[in-house]
Amino acid sequence: MRLKDFSVAILIAGALVSCQSEVVPSHQEETAAAPPAEATASPPSSPSPGERLEAIRGSLADVIAALNEDGEYNCCVQPACTWCALHEGSCTCFSNLQEGAEVCPGCGLGWHNGEGAVDGIESGDVKWNITHEHGDGGHE
């Protein structure tokens, strides 16, 4: 009987030893193996398309204001359209309108929408033409 108890004790001791043979890393080893905090942090998110568009609108408004101060932007609608700034780099639509000449598509739409800013001019008297281009070979 004693041999049997001894055998059971050896089996239990062997099981305990085999369970402890699994390597459990110490806290120091876990810290050394972990990547630095900045490596795991996500990179700063880039602005959303809406945020980027808002920044572009703000920049464009600043450009138009600077052109206006330099006498290079004389729009005939309020708020000023952006077509001439984007396509021409200046605006003569106010003068064009007073001379009976055509205004840009942005101003033409502005007049159509009731945003005209020249006294004595009716929206039906404004000459304008819509053109639409997408670079070379685009639709007109």
C-alpha atoms as a PDB file:
ATOM      1  CA  MET A   1       0.000   0.000   0.000  1.00  0.00           C
ATOM      2  CA  ARG A   2       2.769   2.382   0.733  1.00  0.00           C
ATOM      3  CA  LEU A   3       4.190   1.905  -2.734  1.00  0.00           C
ATOM      4  CA  LYS A   4       0.859   2.837  -4.205  1.00  0.00           C
ATOM      5  CA  ASP A   5       0.726   6.045  -2.122  1.00  0.00           C
ATOM      6  CA  PHE A   6       4.288   6.803  -3.170  1.00  0.00           C
ATOM      7  CA  SER A   7       3.384   6.301  -6.862  1.00  0.00           C
ATOM      8  CA  VAL A   8       0.414   8.638  -6.560  1.00  0.00           C
ATOM      9  CA  ALA A   9       2.605  11.247  -4.877  1.00  0.00           C
ATOM     10  CA  ILE A  10       5.145  11.005  -7.718  1.00  0.00           C
ATOM     11  CA  LEU A  11       2.393  11.363 -10.322  1.00  0.00           C
ATOM     12  CA  ILE A  12       1.028  14.451  -8.578  1.00  0.00           C
ATOM     13  CA  ALA A  13       4.511  15.932  -8.210  1.00  0.00           C
ATOM     14  CA  GLY A  14       5.193  15.270 -11.909  1.00  0.00           C
ATOM     15  CA  ALA A  15       1.964  16.938 -12.892  1.00  0.00           C
ATOM     16  CA  LEU A  16       2.818  19.971 -10.773  1.00  0.00           C
ATOM     17  CA  VAL A  17       6.304  20.199 -12.278  1.00  0.00           C
ATOM     18  CA  SER A  18       4.950  19.934 -15.817  1.00  0.00           C
ATOM     19  CA  CYS A  19       2.391  22.691 -15.109  1.00  0.00           C
ATOM     20  CA  GLN A  20       5.106  24.960 -13.796  1.00  0.00           C
ATOM     21  CA  SER A  21       7.381  24.277 -16.733  1.00  0.00           C
ATOM     22  CA  GLU A  22       5.250  26.623 -18.843  1.00  0.00           C
ATOM     23  CA  VAL A  23       7.214  29.891 -18.963  1.00  0.00           C
ATOM     24  CA  VAL A  24       5.301  32.792 -17.552  1.00  0.00           C
ATOM     25  CA  PRO A  25       6.972  36.072 -18.444  1.00  0.00           C
ATOM     26  CA  SER A  26       7.795  38.378 -15.626  1.00  0.00           C
ATOM     27  CA  HIS A  27       6.463  41.941 -15.565  1.00  0.00           C
ATOM     28  CA  GLN A  28       9.885  43.180 -16.664  1.00  0.00           C
ATOM     29  CA  GLU A  29       9.849  40.866 -19.695  1.00  0.00           C
ATOM     30  CA  GLU A  30       6.301  41.975 -20.609  1.00  0.00           C
ATOM     31  CA  THR A  31       7.342  45.628 -20.440  1.00  0.00           C
ATOM     32  CA  ALA A  32      10.424  45.039 -22.557  1.00  0.00           C
ATOM     33  CA  ALA A  33       8.408  43.129 -25.161  1.00  0.00           C
ATOM     34  CA  ALA A  34       5.641  45.735 -25.422  1.00  0.00           C
ATOM     35  CA  PRO A  35       6.116  48.342 -28.154  1.00  0.00           C
ATOM     36  CA  PRO A  36       6.510  51.942 -27.032  1.00  0.00           C
ATOM     37  CA  ALA A  37       3.288  53.879 -26.499  1.00  0.00           C
ATOM     38  CA  GLU A  38       3.892  56.111 -29.535  1.00  0.00           C
ATOM     39  CA  ALA A  39       4.249  53.045 -31.761  1.00  0.00           C
ATOM     40  CA  THR A  40       0.849  51.763 -30.701  1.00  0.00           C
ATOM     41  CA  ALA A  41      -0.907  55.141 -30.842  1.00  0.00           C
ATOM     42  CA  SER A  42      -2.843  55.705 -34.013  1.00  0.00           C
ATOM     43  CA  PRO A  43      -1.484  58.423 -36.288  1.00  0.00           C
ATOM     44  CA  PRO A  44      -3.305  61.737 -36.170  1.00  0.00           C
ATOM     45  CA  SER A  45      -6.407  61.537 -38.301  1.00  0.00           C
ATOM     46  CA  SER A  46      -6.455  63.622 -41.440  1.00  0.00           C
ATOM     47  CA  PRO A  47      -9.260  66.127 -41.869  1.00  0.00           C
ATOM     48  CA  SER A  48     -12.528  64.862 -43.255  1.00  0.00           C
ATOM     49  CA  PRO A  49     -13.550  65.928 -46.773  1.00  0.00           C
ATOM     50  CA  GLY A  50     -16.047  68.357 -45.225  1.00  0.00           C
ATOM     51  CA  GLU A  51     -13.353  69.921 -43.044  1.00  0.00           C
ATOM     52  CA  ARG A  52     -11.029  70.209 -46.026  1.00  0.00           C
ATOM     53  CA  LEU A  53     -13.753  71.880 -48.114  1.00  0.00           C
ATOM     54  CA  GLU A  54     -14.443  74.360 -45.330  1.00  0.00           C
ATOM     55  CA  ALA A  55     -10.723  75.231 -45.190  1.00  0.00           C
ATOM     56  CA  ILE A  56     -10.673  75.708 -48.977  1.00  0.00           C
ATOM     57  CA  ARG A  57     -13.729  77.984 -48.805  1.00  0.00           C
ATOM     58  CA  GLY A  58     -12.029  80.064 -46.115  1.00  0.00           C
ATOM     59  CA  SER A  59      -8.827  80.324 -48.134  1.00  0.00           C
ATOM     60  CA  LEU A  60     -10.762  81.282 -51.272  1.00  0.00           C
ATOM     61  CA  ALA A  61     -12.637  84.001 -49.366  1.00  0.00           C
ATOM     62  CA  ASP A  62      -9.274  85.374 -48.193  1.00  0.00           C
ATOM     63  CA  VAL A  63      -7.947  85.407 -51.786  1.00  0.00           C
ATOM     64  CA  ILE A  64     -11.060  87.204 -53.059  1.00  0.00           C
ATOM     65  CA  ALA A  65     -10.781  89.794 -50.258  1.00  0.00           C
ATOM     66  CA  ALA A  66      -7.114  90.416 -51.140  1.00  0.00           C
ATOM     67  CA  LEU A  67      -7.929  90.717 -54.863  1.00  0.00           C
ATOM     68  CA  ASN A  68     -10.746  93.126 -53.994  1.00  0.00           C
ATOM     69  CA  GLU A  69      -8.374  95.284 -51.914  1.00  0.00           C
ATOM     70  CA  ASP A  70      -5.979  95.378 -54.882  1.00  0.00           C
ATOM     71  CA  GLY A  71      -8.810  96.478 -57.218  1.00  0.00           C
ATOM     72  CA  GLU A  72      -8.672  93.160 -59.074  1.00  0.00           C
ATOM     73  CA  TYR A  73     -12.039  91.756 -58.011  1.00  0.00           C
ATOM     74  CA  ASN A  74     -15.140  93.742 -58.873  1.00  0.00           C
ATOM     75  CA  CYS A  75     -18.016  91.266 -58.644  1.00  0.00           C
ATOM     76  CA  CYS A  76     -21.622  92.172 -59.447  1.00  0.00           C
ATOM     77  CA  VAL A  77     -23.337  89.838 -56.965  1.00  0.00           C
ATOM     78  CA  GLN A  78     -23.360  89.608 -53.168  1.00  0.00           C
ATOM     79  CA  PRO A  79     -21.940  87.488 -51.778  1.00  0.00           C
ATOM     80  CA  ALA A  80     -19.244  87.618 -54.437  1.00  0.00           C
ATOM     81  CA  CYS A  81     -19.105  84.556 -56.626  1.00  0.00           C
ATOM     82  CA  THR A  82     -15.964  82.414 -56.770  1.00  0.00           C
ATOM     83  CA  TRP A  83     -15.980  81.551 -60.471  1.00  0.00           C
ATOM     84  CA  CYS A  84     -13.692  84.381 -61.602  1.00  0.00           C
ATOM     85  CA  ALA A  85     -11.233  83.793 -58.742  1.00  0.00           C
ATOM     86  CA  LEU A  86     -10.972  80.120 -59.626  1.00  0.00           C
ATOM     87  CA  HIS A  87     -10.881  80.512 -63.412  1.00  0.00           C
ATOM     88  CA  GLU A  88      -9.503  83.985 -64.122  1.00  0.00           C
ATOM     89  CA  GLY A  89      -7.683  85.200 -61.020  1.00  0.00           C
ATOM     90  CA  SER A  90      -9.596  88.501 -61.177  1.00  0.00           C
ATOM     91  CA  CYS A  91     -13.149  89.710 -61.753  1.00  0.00           C
ATOM     92  CA  THR A  92     -14.514  92.429 -64.041  1.00  0.00           C
ATOM     93  CA  CYS A  93     -18.164  91.349 -63.969  1.00  0.00           C
ATOM     94  CA  PHE A  94     -19.403  94.583 -62.355  1.00  0.00           C
ATOM     95  CA  SER A  95     -17.831  96.672 -65.142  1.00  0.00           C
ATOM     96  CA  ASN A  96     -18.899  94.155 -67.785  1.00  0.00           C
ATOM     97  CA  LEU A  97     -22.474  94.379 -66.575  1.00  0.00           C
ATOM     98  CA  GLN A  98     -22.477  98.192 -66.640  1.00  0.00           C
ATOM     99  CA  GLU A  99     -21.158  98.080 -70.233  1.00  0.00           C
ATOM    100  CA  GLY A 100     -23.815  95.564 -71.301  1.00  0.00           C
ATOM    101  CA  ALA A 101     -21.237  92.767 -71.687  1.00  0.00           C
ATOM    102  CA  GLU A 102     -21.535  89.195 -70.488  1.00  0.00           C
ATOM    103  CA  VAL A 103     -20.785  88.228 -66.884  1.00  0.00           C
ATOM    104  CA  CYS A 104     -19.308  84.945 -65.663  1.00  0.00           C
ATOM    105  CA  PRO A 105     -21.492  81.872 -65.006  1.00  0.00           C
ATOM    106  CA  GLY A 106     -21.230  82.366 -61.224  1.00  0.00           C
ATOM    107  CA  CYS A 107     -22.525  85.917 -61.453  1.00  0.00           C
ATOM    108  CA  GLY A 108     -25.191  84.895 -63.943  1.00  0.00           C
ATOM    109  CA  LEU A 109     -26.496  82.307 -61.503  1.00  0.00           C
ATOM    110  CA  GLY A 110     -26.249  84.849 -58.702  1.00  0.00           C
ATOM    111  CA  TRP A 111     -28.450  87.257 -60.636  1.00  0.00           C
ATOM    112  CA  HIS A 112     -30.849  84.422 -61.420  1.00  0.00           C
ATOM    113  CA  ASN A 113     -31.045  83.679 -57.664  1.00  0.00           C
ATOM    114  CA  GLY A 114     -31.686  87.332 -56.729  1.00  0.00           C
ATOM    115  CA  GLU A 115     -28.173  88.168 -55.517  1.00  0.00           C
ATOM    116  CA  GLY A 116     -27.479  90.984 -58.012  1.00  0.00           C
ATOM    117  CA  ALA A 117     -25.689  93.991 -56.529  1.00  0.00           C
ATOM    118  CA  VAL A 118     -25.846  96.644 -59.265  1.00  0.00           C
ATOM    119  CA  ASP A 119     -28.601  99.251 -58.976  1.00  0.00           C
ATOM    120  CA  GLY A 120     -30.755  99.739 -62.040  1.00  0.00           C
ATOM    121  CA  ILE A 121     -30.056  96.295 -63.525  1.00  0.00           C
ATOM    122  CA  GLU A 122     -32.813  93.705 -63.764  1.00  0.00           C
ATOM    123  CA  SER A 123     -31.864  90.032 -63.660  1.00  0.00           C
ATOM    124  CA  GLY A 124     -33.480  89.490 -67.073  1.00  0.00           C
ATOM    125  CA  ASP A 125     -31.082  92.044 -68.588  1.00  0.00           C
ATOM    126  CA  VAL A 126     -27.942  90.210 -67.438  1.00  0.00           C
ATOM    127  CA  LYS A 127     -26.082  88.446 -70.255  1.00  0.00           C
ATOM    128  CA  TRP A 128     -24.363  85.239 -69.231  1.00  0.00           C
ATOM    129  CA  ASN A 129     -23.674  81.793 -70.521  1.00  0.00           C
ATOM    130  CA  ILE A 130     -23.207  78.552 -68.640  1.00  0.00           C
ATOM    131  CA  THR A 131     -20.206  76.533 -69.660  1.00  0.00           C
ATOM    132  CA  HIS A 132     -19.009  73.446 -67.890  1.00  0.00           C
ATOM    133  CA  GLU A 133     -15.545  71.999 -68.420  1.00  0.00           C
ATOM    134  CA  HIS A 134     -13.598  69.170 -66.859  1.00  0.00           C
ATOM    135  CA  GLY A 135     -10.097  69.870 -68.137  1.00  0.00           C
ATOM    136  CA  ASP A 136      -8.953  68.876 -71.612  1.00  0.00           C
ATOM    137  CA  GLY A 137     -11.583  67.067 -73.630  1.00  0.00           C
ATOM    138  CA  GLY A 138     -14.315  67.883 -71.114  1.00  0.00           C
ATOM    139  CA  HIS A 139     -17.894  68.743 -71.872  1.00  0.00           C
ATOM    140  CA  GLU A 140     -18.829  72.256 -72.720  1.00  0.00           C
END
